[in-house]
Structure formats: C-alpha cells, structure tokens
Amino acid sequence: MAESTIYLKNSGIPFSGASVCLAFEGGGMTGTLITDRAGRARIYHVGTGVAHVMVNGQETATISTPDEVDVELLN
C-alpha cells in the first residue's frame, strides 16, 4: 500500500481540522482524513499516479503519488 502525506498550511501556518482526500485522475478516491495539529494528513492508498488534493471538498493542488507535499491554501 502506498502512502502520501499532505502538509496543509494557511499563510505558512499549519492548518488543522481540515477534511483532506485524494481524487485520482484514473478514477477513485481515498477516504477523507482530518489534518492534525501539524496540518498533516497521512493518506494510505492502493492506486498511484496523478491525484487532486481535495480540501473541504475543493481541489487545491495536483500531485504525483506517492509523495509528501506542502499545500498552501490560497485565500
């Protein structure tokens, strides 16, 4: 099983309590996780490839999985 870690930030500050999941371009989505105090969501998934990072139901970034990325929220 692959693992992707998303570090969510807002103005450089870790953003906790956000709902995060991955939506794969080839189809399929991961379950939703809530970011911890460090703004981190560790997502375990079967599929790999290009995925859209969904935060609170909106696409915020595109990544190649598995990966570890910082995602800055835009106001």
N, C-alpha and C. Protein backbone atom coordinates (compact mmCIF):
# COMPACT_ATOMS: atom_id res chain seq x y z
N MET A 1 0.84 -1.17 0.00
CA MET A 1 0.00 0.00 0.00
C MET A 1 0.89 1.24 0.00
N ALA A 2 0.53 2.24 -0.80
CA ALA A 2 1.29 3.48 -0.90
C ALA A 2 0.82 4.48 0.17
N GLU A 3 1.69 5.45 0.45
CA GLU A 3 1.36 6.49 1.42
C GLU A 3 1.73 7.85 0.85
N SER A 4 0.81 8.78 0.95
CA SER A 4 1.07 10.17 0.59
C SER A 4 0.77 11.02 1.81
N THR A 5 1.65 11.98 2.10
CA THR A 5 1.46 12.86 3.25
C THR A 5 1.28 14.28 2.76
N ILE A 6 0.21 14.89 3.18
CA ILE A 6 -0.11 16.26 2.82
C ILE A 6 0.10 17.12 4.06
N TYR A 7 0.89 18.18 3.92
CA TYR A 7 1.06 19.17 4.99
C TYR A 7 0.32 20.42 4.53
N LEU A 8 -0.79 20.70 5.16
CA LEU A 8 -1.65 21.81 4.78
C LEU A 8 -1.29 23.06 5.59
N LYS A 9 -1.09 24.17 4.88
CA LYS A 9 -0.72 25.42 5.54
C LYS A 9 -1.59 26.56 5.03
N ASN A 10 -1.79 27.54 5.90
CA ASN A 10 -2.51 28.75 5.55
C ASN A 10 -1.65 29.91 6.00
N SER A 11 -1.13 30.68 5.04
CA SER A 11 -0.18 31.77 5.32
C SER A 11 1.04 31.24 6.07
N GLY A 12 1.48 30.03 5.71
CA GLY A 12 2.67 29.43 6.31
C GLY A 12 2.44 28.76 7.65
N ILE A 13 1.23 28.83 8.17
CA ILE A 13 0.91 28.26 9.48
C ILE A 13 0.16 26.94 9.27
N PRO A 14 0.56 25.86 9.98
CA PRO A 14 -0.16 24.59 9.84
C PRO A 14 -1.65 24.76 10.07
N PHE A 15 -2.44 24.14 9.19
CA PHE A 15 -3.90 24.27 9.23
C PHE A 15 -4.50 22.95 9.69
N SER A 16 -5.00 22.93 10.91
CA SER A 16 -5.56 21.69 11.46
C SER A 16 -7.08 21.68 11.31
N GLY A 17 -7.65 20.48 11.34
CA GLY A 17 -9.10 20.31 11.30
C GLY A 17 -9.73 20.36 9.93
N ALA A 18 -8.94 20.32 8.87
CA ALA A 18 -9.49 20.34 7.51
C ALA A 18 -9.70 18.92 7.01
N SER A 19 -10.73 18.71 6.20
CA SER A 19 -11.00 17.41 5.57
C SER A 19 -10.17 17.30 4.31
N VAL A 20 -9.37 16.23 4.20
CA VAL A 20 -8.47 16.05 3.05
C VAL A 20 -8.66 14.66 2.47
N CYS A 21 -8.69 14.58 1.14
CA CYS A 21 -8.69 13.28 0.45
C CYS A 21 -8.01 13.46 -0.90
N LEU A 22 -7.75 12.37 -1.57
CA LEU A 22 -7.15 12.38 -2.91
C LEU A 22 -8.17 11.85 -3.91
N ALA A 23 -8.28 12.53 -5.04
CA ALA A 23 -9.13 12.07 -6.15
C ALA A 23 -8.20 11.77 -7.32
N PHE A 24 -8.09 10.50 -7.69
CA PHE A 24 -7.16 10.08 -8.74
C PHE A 24 -7.74 10.35 -10.13
N GLU A 25 -6.87 10.81 -11.04
CA GLU A 25 -7.30 11.11 -12.41
C GLU A 25 -7.82 9.87 -13.13
N GLY A 26 -7.27 8.71 -12.80
CA GLY A 26 -7.72 7.47 -13.42
C GLY A 26 -9.01 6.94 -12.81
N GLY A 27 -9.54 7.62 -11.83
CA GLY A 27 -10.76 7.20 -11.15
C GLY A 27 -10.47 6.74 -9.74
N GLY A 28 -11.37 6.97 -8.87
CA GLY A 28 -11.27 6.55 -7.49
C GLY A 28 -10.83 7.67 -6.56
N MET A 29 -11.26 7.52 -5.33
CA MET A 29 -10.92 8.49 -4.29
C MET A 29 -10.53 7.74 -3.03
N THR A 30 -9.72 8.41 -2.22
CA THR A 30 -9.38 7.85 -0.92
C THR A 30 -10.45 8.27 0.08
N GLY A 31 -10.39 7.69 1.25
CA GLY A 31 -11.25 8.15 2.33
C GLY A 31 -10.79 9.53 2.78
N THR A 32 -11.65 10.19 3.51
CA THR A 32 -11.34 11.53 4.00
C THR A 32 -10.67 11.46 5.35
N LEU A 33 -9.62 12.27 5.52
CA LEU A 33 -8.92 12.38 6.80
C LEU A 33 -8.98 13.82 7.26
N ILE A 34 -8.82 14.04 8.56
CA ILE A 34 -8.78 15.37 9.14
C ILE A 34 -7.33 15.69 9.49
N THR A 35 -6.86 16.88 9.08
CA THR A 35 -5.48 17.25 9.39
C THR A 35 -5.28 17.40 10.89
N ASP A 36 -4.10 17.01 11.36
CA ASP A 36 -3.78 17.08 12.78
C ASP A 36 -3.24 18.47 13.13
N ARG A 37 -2.72 18.62 14.33
CA ARG A 37 -2.22 19.92 14.79
C ARG A 37 -1.07 20.45 13.95
N ALA A 38 -0.34 19.55 13.30
CA ALA A 38 0.77 19.94 12.43
C ALA A 38 0.29 20.23 11.00
N GLY A 39 -1.04 20.15 10.77
CA GLY A 39 -1.58 20.35 9.43
C GLY A 39 -1.36 19.14 8.53
N ARG A 40 -1.06 17.99 9.12
CA ARG A 40 -0.68 16.80 8.37
C ARG A 40 -1.85 15.83 8.22
N ALA A 41 -1.96 15.27 7.02
CA ALA A 41 -2.88 14.17 6.74
C ALA A 41 -2.07 13.09 6.05
N ARG A 42 -1.95 11.93 6.67
CA ARG A 42 -1.25 10.78 6.08
C ARG A 42 -2.30 9.89 5.44
N ILE A 43 -2.23 9.78 4.12
CA ILE A 43 -3.25 9.06 3.37
C ILE A 43 -2.63 7.79 2.79
N TYR A 44 -3.21 6.65 3.14
CA TYR A 44 -2.78 5.36 2.59
C TYR A 44 -3.73 5.01 1.45
N HIS A 45 -3.14 4.57 0.32
CA HIS A 45 -3.97 4.31 -0.86
C HIS A 45 -3.36 3.18 -1.69
N VAL A 46 -4.23 2.53 -2.45
CA VAL A 46 -3.81 1.43 -3.32
C VAL A 46 -3.31 1.97 -4.65
N GLY A 47 -4.06 2.89 -5.25
CA GLY A 47 -3.69 3.44 -6.54
C GLY A 47 -2.53 4.41 -6.44
N THR A 48 -1.83 4.59 -7.56
CA THR A 48 -0.77 5.59 -7.64
C THR A 48 -0.94 6.37 -8.94
N GLY A 49 -0.25 7.47 -9.04
CA GLY A 49 -0.35 8.31 -10.23
C GLY A 49 -0.76 9.71 -9.85
N VAL A 50 -1.28 10.44 -10.82
CA VAL A 50 -1.68 11.82 -10.59
C VAL A 50 -2.99 11.86 -9.81
N ALA A 51 -3.00 12.69 -8.77
CA ALA A 51 -4.19 12.83 -7.93
C ALA A 51 -4.41 14.29 -7.58
N HIS A 52 -5.65 14.65 -7.42
CA HIS A 52 -6.02 16.00 -7.00
C HIS A 52 -6.20 15.99 -5.48
N VAL A 53 -5.56 16.93 -4.80
CA VAL A 53 -5.72 17.06 -3.36
C VAL A 53 -7.00 17.86 -3.11
N MET A 54 -7.94 17.23 -2.45
CA MET A 54 -9.22 17.86 -2.15
C MET A 54 -9.23 18.29 -0.68
N VAL A 55 -9.47 19.57 -0.43
CA VAL A 55 -9.53 20.10 0.92
C VAL A 55 -10.91 20.69 1.13
N ASN A 56 -11.62 20.15 2.10
CA ASN A 56 -13.00 20.59 2.37
C ASN A 56 -13.84 20.60 1.10
N GLY A 57 -13.64 19.57 0.25
CA GLY A 57 -14.44 19.38 -0.96
C GLY A 57 -13.99 20.17 -2.18
N GLN A 58 -12.89 20.95 -2.06
CA GLN A 58 -12.42 21.73 -3.20
C GLN A 58 -10.99 21.34 -3.56
N GLU A 59 -10.72 21.28 -4.87
CA GLU A 59 -9.37 20.94 -5.33
C GLU A 59 -8.41 22.08 -5.01
N THR A 60 -7.29 21.72 -4.38
CA THR A 60 -6.30 22.75 -4.00
C THR A 60 -4.95 22.54 -4.67
N ALA A 61 -4.66 21.31 -5.10
CA ALA A 61 -3.36 21.02 -5.71
C ALA A 61 -3.46 19.71 -6.47
N THR A 62 -2.47 19.47 -7.33
CA THR A 62 -2.34 18.20 -8.04
C THR A 62 -0.96 17.64 -7.71
N ILE A 63 -0.91 16.34 -7.38
CA ILE A 63 0.36 15.71 -7.03
C ILE A 63 0.50 14.39 -7.76
N SER A 64 1.74 13.90 -7.84
CA SER A 64 2.01 12.54 -8.32
C SER A 64 2.24 11.69 -7.08
N THR A 65 1.44 10.66 -6.92
CA THR A 65 1.53 9.83 -5.72
C THR A 65 2.38 8.61 -5.98
N PRO A 66 2.98 8.03 -4.96
CA PRO A 66 3.01 8.51 -3.58
C PRO A 66 3.98 9.69 -3.46
N ASP A 67 3.70 10.58 -2.52
CA ASP A 67 4.52 11.77 -2.36
C ASP A 67 4.29 12.38 -0.98
N GLU A 68 5.14 13.32 -0.63
CA GLU A 68 5.00 14.12 0.59
C GLU A 68 5.08 15.56 0.13
N VAL A 69 4.00 16.33 0.32
CA VAL A 69 3.95 17.68 -0.22
C VAL A 69 3.38 18.68 0.78
N ASP A 70 3.83 19.92 0.63
CA ASP A 70 3.25 21.05 1.34
C ASP A 70 2.21 21.68 0.42
N VAL A 71 1.04 21.92 0.94
CA VAL A 71 -0.02 22.58 0.18
C VAL A 71 -0.40 23.86 0.91
N GLU A 72 -0.22 24.98 0.23
CA GLU A 72 -0.56 26.29 0.80
C GLU A 72 -1.95 26.67 0.32
N LEU A 73 -2.83 26.95 1.27
CA LEU A 73 -4.19 27.38 0.92
C LEU A 73 -4.13 28.82 0.44
N LEU A 74 -4.89 29.10 -0.60
CA LEU A 74 -4.97 30.46 -1.12
C LEU A 74 -6.28 31.07 -0.64
N ASN A 75 -6.20 32.26 -0.12
CA ASN A 75 -7.41 32.94 0.38
C ASN A 75 -8.20 33.53 -0.74
